[in-house]
Amino acid sequence: MKKRIAALLMAAAMMTAAASSFAYAEEESYTIGISQFAEHGSLDNCREGFLEGLKEAGIEEGVNLTVEYQNAQSDTGTAGQISDSFISQGVDLICAIATPTAMSAYNSAMSSGTPVIYTAVSDPVGAGLANEDGTPVGEITGTADQLPVEEQLQMIRALMPDAKTIGILYTTSEANSLSTIEEYKELAGEYDFEIVESGINTIADVDMAATELAGKVDCINNLTDNTVVSALQTVLAAANDAGIPVFGSEIEQVRNGCMAAMGIDYVELGKQTGAMAAKVLKGEAKASEMNYETCSGASLYVNTAAAENIGFTLDEEYITDAAETFDEIEA
């Protein structure tokens, strides 16, 4: 009888341990929703880096992480529907890639308390996602892709010593673009440039606006405006017809045909964001306790094929000093 009782007690202990292990496994698995505003290289790199950042922190898709991914295809209404659906599903966290999706996710998650971690938001304060001192406005934080505007102007001046006008095409509803243009305007005079801006509402407006803009400026400077970047080949075609260069804001734009950029690495930005998200998921910190972070530093990227297309001679020094040089256009 004693042996039987001992066996029963051991079996019960094993069942308790198994149940405890199962509960622990359940506790340590996560479901997140990723809402991406548009489909283009910069934002794709953010998503890739974000998942890498989570993996480095021990949270890996297919192991202890389930990822629900949706793309708004540059439509703010769709972005709102996506974030609403994530809240209905009860995800543990929303990763919002780009300003419009970050704003939509915050609005959807505000009453539920679901944390939102954003990336590729140029001006979190201007978008209403952070206070002036960088503190979050709620359970939302992330990383900002504030562009190195002054370094970009310095580069353009060095490459085009006689240029006077820089054209910028932007979407009127994108808060990140509006704040970046203001920064360009504030600094342009220091480098003897005039900023000529052209606003669009939808991707259908890009063709006509780009053609008109290319005809009255010395070069075009592309921002990280999601709608414009989605139609980058249209902008490049208009600039090529006018024989002027297009400068990008990050590596993917240069890879795809912009002549040069003093830009940021969006994969690294995504990793930085993933590390922040991991802290929230693990309960090490709340989103509301972490100020947003910025991507530090800028690197030079050059595309010699893009220069050849318009008969532009790049200084050999720039090619040598570039962090990465492309000799073909990956459209």
Protein backbone atom coordinates (compact mmCIF):
# COMPACT_ATOMS: atom_id res chain seq x y z
CA MET A 1 0.00 0.00 0.00
CA LYS A 2 2.83 2.39 0.91
CA LYS A 3 4.45 1.76 -2.46
CA ARG A 4 1.16 2.44 -4.21
CA ILE A 5 0.68 5.70 -2.28
CA ALA A 6 4.25 6.77 -3.04
CA ALA A 7 3.71 6.02 -6.72
CA LEU A 8 0.51 8.04 -6.76
CA LEU A 9 2.22 10.95 -5.02
CA MET A 10 5.07 10.87 -7.52
CA ALA A 11 2.65 10.77 -10.44
CA ALA A 12 0.76 13.71 -8.97
CA ALA A 13 3.99 15.64 -8.55
CA MET A 14 4.97 14.91 -12.14
CA MET A 15 1.56 16.09 -13.37
CA THR A 16 1.88 19.27 -11.31
CA ALA A 17 5.34 19.91 -12.71
CA ALA A 18 4.10 19.28 -16.25
CA ALA A 19 1.16 21.63 -15.72
CA SER A 20 3.51 24.24 -14.30
CA SER A 21 5.84 23.88 -17.31
CA PHE A 22 2.89 24.17 -19.67
CA ALA A 23 1.68 27.29 -17.89
CA TYR A 24 5.17 28.75 -18.06
CA ALA A 25 5.38 28.00 -21.79
CA GLU A 26 2.00 29.58 -22.29
CA GLU A 27 3.09 32.65 -20.33
CA GLU A 28 6.26 33.02 -22.39
CA SER A 29 4.63 32.86 -25.82
CA TYR A 30 3.41 36.02 -27.54
CA THR A 31 1.19 37.22 -30.36
CA ILE A 32 1.89 40.56 -31.98
CA GLY A 33 0.33 42.49 -34.84
CA ILE A 34 2.52 44.30 -37.34
CA SER A 35 0.81 47.11 -39.21
CA GLN A 36 2.88 48.50 -42.10
CA PHE A 37 1.64 51.55 -43.96
CA ALA A 38 3.06 50.87 -47.40
CA GLU A 39 5.01 48.28 -49.32
CA HIS A 40 8.49 49.57 -50.10
CA GLY A 41 12.08 48.73 -49.25
CA SER A 42 12.59 51.12 -46.33
CA LEU A 43 9.59 49.88 -44.38
CA ASP A 44 10.25 46.25 -45.35
CA ASN A 45 13.73 46.67 -43.87
CA CYS A 46 12.21 48.06 -40.68
CA ARG A 47 10.00 44.99 -40.37
CA GLU A 48 12.92 42.64 -41.03
CA GLY A 49 15.07 44.42 -38.46
CA PHE A 50 12.24 44.48 -35.91
CA LEU A 51 11.86 40.70 -36.03
CA GLU A 52 15.65 40.32 -35.82
CA GLY A 53 15.71 42.56 -32.76
CA LEU A 54 13.04 40.42 -31.08
CA LYS A 55 14.93 37.24 -31.99
CA GLU A 56 18.13 38.58 -30.45
CA ALA A 57 16.14 39.09 -27.25
CA GLY A 58 14.90 35.48 -27.30
CA ILE A 59 11.51 36.07 -28.93
CA GLU A 60 11.42 34.25 -32.26
CA GLU A 61 8.65 33.80 -34.80
CA GLY A 62 7.59 30.16 -35.00
CA VAL A 63 9.13 29.36 -31.62
CA ASN A 64 7.49 31.54 -29.00
CA LEU A 65 6.09 34.28 -31.22
CA THR A 66 3.08 34.44 -33.52
CA VAL A 67 3.07 37.37 -35.96
CA GLU A 68 -0.04 38.79 -37.60
CA TYR A 69 1.13 41.00 -40.46
CA GLN A 70 -1.01 43.46 -42.43
CA ASN A 71 -0.14 46.16 -44.98
CA ALA A 72 -2.35 49.23 -45.40
CA GLN A 73 -1.17 49.87 -48.98
CA SER A 74 -0.78 53.61 -48.26
CA ASP A 75 -4.41 54.03 -47.16
CA THR A 76 -5.05 55.64 -43.77
CA GLY A 77 -8.57 54.21 -43.56
CA THR A 78 -7.22 50.71 -44.06
CA ALA A 79 -4.57 51.38 -41.42
CA GLY A 80 -7.33 52.15 -38.92
CA GLN A 81 -9.19 48.96 -39.79
CA ILE A 82 -6.03 46.91 -39.35
CA SER A 83 -5.26 48.28 -35.90
CA ASP A 84 -8.90 47.85 -34.83
CA SER A 85 -8.75 44.20 -35.90
CA PHE A 86 -5.55 43.65 -33.92
CA ILE A 87 -7.24 44.99 -30.80
CA SER A 88 -10.24 42.71 -31.41
CA GLN A 89 -7.88 39.74 -31.73
CA GLY A 90 -6.32 40.60 -28.39
CA VAL A 91 -2.71 40.77 -29.56
CA ASP A 92 -0.08 41.36 -26.90
CA LEU A 93 1.51 44.27 -28.76
CA ILE A 94 1.18 46.22 -32.00
CA CYS A 95 4.23 47.17 -34.03
CA ALA A 96 3.32 50.15 -36.22
CA ILE A 97 5.65 50.87 -39.12
CA ALA A 98 5.42 54.51 -40.35
CA THR A 99 3.64 57.55 -38.98
CA PRO A 100 0.07 56.99 -40.28
CA THR A 101 -0.08 53.44 -38.90
CA ALA A 102 1.42 54.56 -35.59
CA MET A 103 -1.27 57.20 -35.21
CA SER A 104 -4.00 54.72 -36.15
CA ALA A 105 -2.66 52.06 -33.79
CA TYR A 106 -2.51 54.50 -30.90
CA ASN A 107 -6.09 55.61 -31.47
CA SER A 108 -7.28 51.99 -31.63
CA ALA A 109 -5.31 50.83 -28.60
CA MET A 110 -5.91 53.83 -26.36
CA SER A 111 -8.85 52.37 -24.42
CA SER A 112 -7.57 48.78 -24.31
CA GLY A 113 -4.12 49.49 -22.90
CA THR A 114 -2.49 47.36 -25.61
CA PRO A 115 1.08 48.61 -26.01
CA VAL A 116 2.13 50.09 -29.35
CA ILE A 117 5.75 50.19 -30.48
CA TYR A 118 6.35 52.28 -33.59
CA THR A 119 9.22 52.69 -35.99
CA ALA A 120 9.99 54.89 -39.00
CA VAL A 121 8.19 57.87 -37.44
CA SER A 122 10.13 61.02 -38.29
CA ASP A 123 8.51 63.35 -35.76
CA PRO A 124 6.76 61.58 -32.85
CA VAL A 125 6.02 64.90 -31.11
CA GLY A 126 4.47 66.44 -34.22
CA ALA A 127 2.41 63.29 -34.77
CA GLY A 128 1.02 63.50 -31.23
CA LEU A 129 2.73 60.29 -30.11
CA ALA A 130 5.14 61.88 -27.63
CA ASN A 131 5.38 64.95 -25.44
CA GLU A 132 7.90 67.72 -26.05
CA ASP A 133 10.34 66.13 -23.60
CA GLY A 134 10.20 62.78 -25.43
CA THR A 135 7.98 61.03 -22.89
CA PRO A 136 5.14 58.89 -24.27
CA VAL A 137 1.55 60.15 -24.37
CA GLY A 138 0.32 56.70 -23.32
CA GLU A 139 1.25 53.07 -23.79
CA ILE A 140 3.15 53.91 -26.94
CA THR A 141 6.82 54.41 -27.77
CA GLY A 142 9.32 53.44 -30.43
CA THR A 143 12.00 54.79 -32.72
CA ALA A 144 12.21 57.90 -34.87
CA ASP A 145 13.86 58.02 -38.28
CA GLN A 146 14.62 61.71 -38.11
CA LEU A 147 16.58 62.49 -41.25
CA PRO A 148 20.08 64.03 -41.15
CA VAL A 149 18.92 67.11 -43.04
CA GLU A 150 22.02 69.24 -42.60
CA GLU A 151 24.34 66.43 -43.70
CA GLN A 152 22.15 65.91 -46.76
CA LEU A 153 22.31 69.59 -47.70
CA GLN A 154 26.08 69.57 -47.26
CA MET A 155 26.33 66.59 -49.59
CA ILE A 156 24.14 68.14 -52.28
CA ARG A 157 26.10 71.39 -52.15
CA ALA A 158 29.41 69.51 -52.48
CA LEU A 159 28.15 67.50 -55.46
CA MET A 160 26.32 70.42 -57.12
CA PRO A 161 28.26 73.63 -56.35
CA ASP A 162 26.20 75.72 -58.80
CA ALA A 163 22.73 74.42 -57.88
CA LYS A 164 20.17 76.87 -56.53
CA THR A 165 16.89 74.98 -56.21
CA ILE A 166 15.97 71.68 -54.57
CA GLY A 167 12.57 70.16 -55.31
CA ILE A 168 10.73 68.14 -52.68
CA LEU A 169 7.62 66.10 -53.44
CA TYR A 170 5.50 65.16 -50.42
CA THR A 171 2.10 63.93 -49.28
CA THR A 172 0.08 66.68 -47.63
CA SER A 173 -1.46 64.28 -45.07
CA GLU A 174 1.85 62.85 -43.82
CA ALA A 175 2.90 64.65 -40.64
CA ASN A 176 6.45 63.32 -40.90
CA SER A 177 6.92 64.94 -44.32
CA LEU A 178 5.55 68.29 -43.20
CA SER A 179 7.94 68.54 -40.26
CA THR A 180 10.93 67.44 -42.35
CA ILE A 181 10.20 70.03 -45.05
CA GLU A 182 10.13 72.74 -42.39
CA GLU A 183 13.57 71.65 -41.26
CA TYR A 184 14.84 71.78 -44.84
CA LYS A 185 13.46 75.29 -45.22
CA GLU A 186 15.11 76.45 -42.01
CA LEU A 187 18.55 75.18 -43.08
CA ALA A 188 18.47 75.61 -46.87
CA GLY A 189 19.49 79.28 -46.79
CA GLU A 190 22.70 78.44 -44.97
CA TYR A 191 23.77 76.50 -48.07
CA ASP A 192 22.37 78.99 -50.59
CA PHE A 193 19.50 76.73 -51.62
CA GLU A 194 15.82 77.44 -52.23
CA ILE A 195 13.36 74.66 -51.43
CA VAL A 196 10.61 74.23 -54.03
CA GLU A 197 7.89 71.97 -52.65
CA SER A 198 5.03 70.16 -54.37
CA GLY A 199 2.25 68.51 -52.38
CA ILE A 200 0.18 65.52 -53.47
CA ASN A 201 -2.83 63.77 -52.01
CA THR A 202 -2.61 60.25 -53.47
CA ILE A 203 -0.18 58.11 -55.42
CA ALA A 204 -2.13 58.93 -58.59
CA ASP A 205 -0.89 62.53 -58.31
CA VAL A 206 2.80 61.63 -58.37
CA ASP A 207 3.30 61.42 -62.14
CA MET A 208 2.07 64.90 -62.99
CA ALA A 209 3.55 66.52 -59.88
CA ALA A 210 6.97 64.94 -60.43
CA THR A 211 7.07 65.97 -64.08
CA GLU A 212 6.15 69.55 -63.25
CA LEU A 213 8.62 69.74 -60.35
CA ALA A 214 11.50 68.25 -62.35
CA GLY A 215 11.09 70.96 -64.96
CA LYS A 216 11.79 73.84 -62.59
CA VAL A 217 14.49 72.68 -60.13
CA ASP A 218 18.16 71.70 -60.25
CA CYS A 219 17.60 68.44 -58.39
CA ILE A 220 14.96 66.54 -56.42
CA ASN A 221 15.45 65.48 -52.82
CA ASN A 222 13.34 62.52 -51.79
CA LEU A 223 12.13 62.25 -48.19
CA THR A 224 10.89 59.10 -46.47
CA ASP A 225 7.36 60.09 -47.51
CA ASN A 226 5.59 56.74 -47.80
CA THR A 227 3.36 57.55 -50.77
CA VAL A 228 6.16 59.16 -52.77
CA VAL A 229 8.60 56.34 -52.01
CA SER A 230 6.00 53.84 -53.19
CA ALA A 231 6.08 55.65 -56.55
CA LEU A 232 9.84 56.26 -56.60
CA GLN A 233 10.29 54.90 -60.13
CA THR A 234 7.80 57.48 -61.40
CA VAL A 235 9.80 60.28 -59.75
CA LEU A 236 13.06 58.90 -61.14
CA ALA A 237 11.62 58.70 -64.66
CA ALA A 238 10.54 62.34 -64.55
CA ALA A 239 13.94 63.42 -63.23
CA ASN A 240 15.82 61.38 -65.83
CA ASP A 241 13.76 62.99 -68.61
CA ALA A 242 14.73 66.40 -67.20
CA GLY A 243 18.37 65.35 -66.80
CA ILE A 244 18.53 66.12 -63.07
CA PRO A 245 19.57 63.92 -60.13
CA VAL A 246 17.32 62.60 -57.40
CA PHE A 247 18.85 62.33 -53.92
CA GLY A 248 17.46 59.74 -51.54
CA SER A 249 17.13 59.54 -47.77
CA GLU A 250 18.34 56.00 -47.11
CA ILE A 251 20.09 53.03 -48.66
CA GLU A 252 17.09 51.39 -50.40
CA GLN A 253 16.25 54.56 -52.32
CA VAL A 254 19.84 54.71 -53.61
CA ARG A 255 19.80 51.03 -54.45
CA ASN A 256 16.64 51.65 -56.47
CA GLY A 257 17.93 54.59 -58.49
CA CYS A 258 18.55 57.72 -56.44
CA MET A 259 22.05 59.06 -57.11
CA ALA A 260 23.22 59.49 -53.51
CA ALA A 261 22.07 59.93 -49.92
CA MET A 262 23.32 60.74 -46.49
CA GLY A 263 20.89 58.32 -44.96
CA ILE A 264 20.09 55.88 -42.20
CA ASP A 265 20.02 52.09 -42.11
CA TYR A 266 16.42 50.94 -41.62
CA VAL A 267 17.34 47.38 -40.71
CA GLU A 268 19.33 48.71 -37.75
CA LEU A 269 16.46 51.03 -36.86
CA GLY A 270 14.14 48.02 -36.85
CA LYS A 271 16.49 46.06 -34.59
CA GLN A 272 16.55 48.96 -32.15
CA THR A 273 12.74 48.92 -32.15
CA GLY A 274 12.59 45.15 -31.65
CA ALA A 275 14.78 45.44 -28.57
CA MET A 276 12.34 47.97 -27.11
CA ALA A 277 9.36 45.74 -27.91
CA ALA A 278 11.06 42.75 -26.24
CA LYS A 279 11.33 44.68 -22.97
CA VAL A 280 7.60 45.41 -23.07
CA LEU A 281 6.61 41.84 -23.93
CA LYS A 282 8.81 40.40 -21.17
CA GLY A 283 7.38 42.80 -18.63
CA GLU A 284 10.71 44.51 -18.04
CA ALA A 285 9.23 47.92 -18.81
CA LYS A 286 6.00 49.51 -19.95
CA ALA A 287 5.82 51.42 -23.20
CA SER A 288 4.69 54.43 -21.20
CA GLU A 289 7.94 54.30 -19.22
CA MET A 290 10.29 54.50 -22.22
CA ASN A 291 11.02 57.68 -24.16
CA TYR A 292 11.19 57.26 -27.91
CA GLU A 293 14.65 56.68 -29.34
CA THR A 294 16.31 58.06 -32.45
CA CYS A 295 18.60 56.42 -34.96
CA SER A 296 22.05 57.93 -34.57
CA GLY A 297 24.48 58.71 -37.35
CA ALA A 298 24.24 58.92 -41.14
CA SER A 299 26.09 57.05 -43.85
CA LEU A 300 26.86 57.97 -47.46
CA TYR A 301 25.36 55.79 -50.19
CA VAL A 302 26.08 56.28 -53.90
CA ASN A 303 24.69 54.81 -57.12
CA THR A 304 27.08 55.26 -60.06
CA ALA A 305 24.56 53.85 -62.56
CA ALA A 306 22.04 56.53 -61.59
CA ALA A 307 24.69 59.20 -62.18
CA GLU A 308 25.58 57.74 -65.58
CA ASN A 309 21.91 57.79 -66.62
CA ILE A 310 21.90 61.60 -66.56
CA GLY A 311 25.53 62.15 -67.52
CA PHE A 312 26.53 63.29 -64.03
CA THR A 313 30.19 62.87 -63.05
CA LEU A 314 30.59 61.85 -59.44
CA ASP A 315 33.71 62.92 -57.60
CA GLU A 316 35.87 59.84 -57.05
CA GLU A 317 36.24 60.86 -53.41
CA TYR A 318 32.53 60.33 -52.84
CA ILE A 319 32.64 56.88 -54.39
CA THR A 320 35.65 55.93 -52.26
CA ASP A 321 34.19 57.30 -49.02
CA ALA A 322 30.72 55.80 -49.46
CA ALA A 323 29.54 53.22 -46.96
CA GLU A 324 28.10 51.36 -49.92
CA THR A 325 28.25 51.97 -53.67
CA PHE A 326 25.89 50.50 -56.25
CA ASP A 327 26.78 50.14 -59.91
CA GLU A 328 23.32 49.09 -61.06
CA ILE A 329 19.72 50.05 -60.39
CA GLU A 330 17.47 47.52 -58.70
CA ALA A 331 14.01 48.65 -59.76
